[in-house]
Amino acid sequence: MSEDNGMDMGKKLGLKVVYEDSDVVVVRAPTEDQLVSILANLLRDRPMSVKELHSFLSGLASEDKIRRALTKLVNEGRAYVLEDGRFTIVGLE
């Protein structure tokens, strides 16, 4: 990942950049509440599966943490699962 892409991703996800140089950008892993918010924002762009979300957030959150956060969104009525297994935000039909 280039420095610019790392900085952009960190800003887009609302994560604090801990260290950066020309080769790497290190951000602080999100808390559970931050992860729920990040997932909600990502799902506003388009419906995604757990695997798609995990590939986007690889290195920041495990698949299990992503599943727990998605379950929280569904239980709160903020998201739901489409017939094909992808998650989407309520009201974006």
C-alpha atoms as a PDB file:
ATOM      1  CA  MET A   1       0.000   0.000   0.000  1.00  0.00           C
ATOM      2  CA  SER A   2       1.422   3.392  -0.893  1.00  0.00           C
ATOM      3  CA  GLU A   3       1.766   6.132   1.667  1.00  0.00           C
ATOM      4  CA  ASP A   4      -1.008   8.190   0.079  1.00  0.00           C
ATOM      5  CA  ASN A   5      -3.397   5.220  -0.018  1.00  0.00           C
ATOM      6  CA  GLY A   6      -2.627   4.368   3.610  1.00  0.00           C
ATOM      7  CA  MET A   7      -3.238   7.924   4.759  1.00  0.00           C
ATOM      8  CA  ASP A   8      -6.444   8.119   2.720  1.00  0.00           C
ATOM      9  CA  MET A   9      -7.707   4.814   4.109  1.00  0.00           C
ATOM     10  CA  GLY A  10      -6.868   5.834   7.671  1.00  0.00           C
ATOM     11  CA  LYS A  11      -8.733   9.115   7.242  1.00  0.00           C
ATOM     12  CA  LYS A  12     -11.704   7.481   5.496  1.00  0.00           C
ATOM     13  CA  LEU A  13     -12.030   4.913   8.257  1.00  0.00           C
ATOM     14  CA  GLY A  14     -11.490   7.510  10.989  1.00  0.00           C
ATOM     15  CA  LEU A  15      -8.483   5.701  12.443  1.00  0.00           C
ATOM     16  CA  LYS A  16      -5.495   7.349  14.070  1.00  0.00           C
ATOM     17  CA  VAL A  17      -2.220   7.058  12.162  1.00  0.00           C
ATOM     18  CA  VAL A  18       0.378   5.852  14.669  1.00  0.00           C
ATOM     19  CA  TYR A  19       3.409   5.757  12.369  1.00  0.00           C
ATOM     20  CA  GLU A  20       4.137   6.427   8.728  1.00  0.00           C
ATOM     21  CA  ASP A  21       7.093   6.514   6.388  1.00  0.00           C
ATOM     22  CA  SER A  22       7.556   6.124   2.633  1.00  0.00           C
ATOM     23  CA  ASP A  23       6.916   2.351   2.784  1.00  0.00           C
ATOM     24  CA  VAL A  24       4.287   1.805   5.464  1.00  0.00           C
ATOM     25  CA  VAL A  25       1.431   3.460   7.313  1.00  0.00           C
ATOM     26  CA  VAL A  26       0.445   2.031  10.710  1.00  0.00           C
ATOM     27  CA  VAL A  27      -2.982   2.831  12.122  1.00  0.00           C
ATOM     28  CA  ARG A  28      -4.520   1.951  15.456  1.00  0.00           C
ATOM     29  CA  ALA A  29      -6.977  -0.957  15.238  1.00  0.00           C
ATOM     30  CA  PRO A  30     -10.601   0.096  15.678  1.00  0.00           C
ATOM     31  CA  THR A  31     -12.563  -0.500  18.871  1.00  0.00           C
ATOM     32  CA  GLU A  32     -15.788  -2.519  18.599  1.00  0.00           C
ATOM     33  CA  ASP A  33     -17.873   0.664  18.426  1.00  0.00           C
ATOM     34  CA  GLN A  34     -15.562   2.173  15.804  1.00  0.00           C
ATOM     35  CA  LEU A  35     -15.777  -1.045  13.781  1.00  0.00           C
ATOM     36  CA  VAL A  36     -19.592  -0.924  13.812  1.00  0.00           C
ATOM     37  CA  SER A  37     -19.435   2.662  12.561  1.00  0.00           C
ATOM     38  CA  ILE A  38     -16.825   1.812   9.901  1.00  0.00           C
ATOM     39  CA  LEU A  39     -18.921  -1.100   8.622  1.00  0.00           C
ATOM     40  CA  ALA A  40     -22.059   1.055   8.494  1.00  0.00           C
ATOM     41  CA  ASN A  41     -20.185   3.658   6.446  1.00  0.00           C
ATOM     42  CA  LEU A  42     -18.748   1.040   4.073  1.00  0.00           C
ATOM     43  CA  LEU A  43     -22.168  -0.540   3.555  1.00  0.00           C
ATOM     44  CA  ARG A  44     -23.618   2.848   2.598  1.00  0.00           C
ATOM     45  CA  ASP A  45     -21.510   2.642  -0.597  1.00  0.00           C
ATOM     46  CA  ARG A  46     -22.823  -0.785  -1.629  1.00  0.00           C
ATOM     47  CA  PRO A  47     -23.961  -4.114  -0.159  1.00  0.00           C
ATOM     48  CA  MET A  48     -21.022  -6.366   0.764  1.00  0.00           C
ATOM     49  CA  SER A  49     -20.394  -9.862   2.059  1.00  0.00           C
ATOM     50  CA  VAL A  50     -18.338 -10.639   5.146  1.00  0.00           C
ATOM     51  CA  LYS A  51     -15.478 -11.753   2.883  1.00  0.00           C
ATOM     52  CA  GLU A  52     -15.548  -8.467   0.936  1.00  0.00           C
ATOM     53  CA  LEU A  53     -15.558  -6.451   4.147  1.00  0.00           C
ATOM     54  CA  HIS A  54     -12.738  -8.571   5.572  1.00  0.00           C
ATOM     55  CA  SER A  55     -10.595  -8.107   2.453  1.00  0.00           C
ATOM     56  CA  PHE A  56     -11.090  -4.334   2.733  1.00  0.00           C
ATOM     57  CA  LEU A  57     -10.283  -4.345   6.460  1.00  0.00           C
ATOM     58  CA  SER A  58      -7.598  -7.058   6.451  1.00  0.00           C
ATOM     59  CA  GLY A  59      -5.028  -6.375   9.122  1.00  0.00           C
ATOM     60  CA  LEU A  60      -7.489  -4.213  11.070  1.00  0.00           C
ATOM     61  CA  ALA A  61     -10.238  -6.638  12.070  1.00  0.00           C
ATOM     62  CA  SER A  62     -10.683 -10.408  11.998  1.00  0.00           C
ATOM     63  CA  GLU A  63     -13.602 -12.035  10.228  1.00  0.00           C
ATOM     64  CA  ASP A  64     -15.070 -12.939  13.642  1.00  0.00           C
ATOM     65  CA  LYS A  65     -14.980  -9.316  14.816  1.00  0.00           C
ATOM     66  CA  ILE A  66     -16.569  -8.195  11.572  1.00  0.00           C
ATOM     67  CA  ARG A  67     -19.338 -10.805  11.986  1.00  0.00           C
ATOM     68  CA  ARG A  68     -19.983  -9.655  15.585  1.00  0.00           C
ATOM     69  CA  ALA A  69     -20.173  -6.015  14.489  1.00  0.00           C
ATOM     70  CA  LEU A  70     -22.519  -6.903  11.611  1.00  0.00           C
ATOM     71  CA  THR A  71     -24.717  -8.888  14.008  1.00  0.00           C
ATOM     72  CA  LYS A  72     -24.884  -5.816  16.249  1.00  0.00           C
ATOM     73  CA  LEU A  73     -25.946  -3.658  13.273  1.00  0.00           C
ATOM     74  CA  VAL A  74     -28.646  -6.190  12.334  1.00  0.00           C
ATOM     75  CA  ASN A  75     -29.887  -6.531  15.937  1.00  0.00           C
ATOM     76  CA  GLU A  76     -30.120  -2.739  16.218  1.00  0.00           C
ATOM     77  CA  GLY A  77     -32.199  -2.657  13.023  1.00  0.00           C
ATOM     78  CA  ARG A  78     -29.593  -0.590  11.177  1.00  0.00           C
ATOM     79  CA  ALA A  79     -28.670  -3.290   8.636  1.00  0.00           C
ATOM     80  CA  TYR A  80     -30.040  -6.495   7.175  1.00  0.00           C
ATOM     81  CA  VAL A  81     -28.918  -9.463   5.111  1.00  0.00           C
ATOM     82  CA  LEU A  82     -29.921  -9.720   1.452  1.00  0.00           C
ATOM     83  CA  GLU A  83     -30.965 -13.045  -0.096  1.00  0.00           C
ATOM     84  CA  ASP A  84     -27.457 -13.504  -1.543  1.00  0.00           C
ATOM     85  CA  GLY A  85     -25.848 -13.159   1.906  1.00  0.00           C
ATOM     86  CA  ARG A  86     -24.538  -9.620   1.488  1.00  0.00           C
ATOM     87  CA  PHE A  87     -25.234  -7.007   4.140  1.00  0.00           C
ATOM     88  CA  THR A  88     -26.758  -3.607   3.458  1.00  0.00           C
ATOM     89  CA  ILE A  89     -27.901  -0.612   5.469  1.00  0.00           C
ATOM     90  CA  VAL A  90     -31.623  -0.123   6.122  1.00  0.00           C
ATOM     91  CA  GLY A  91     -33.159   2.514   3.851  1.00  0.00           C
ATOM     92  CA  LEU A  92     -30.753   2.201   0.918  1.00  0.00           C
ATOM     93  CA  GLU A  93     -32.938  -0.002  -1.277  1.00  0.00           C
END
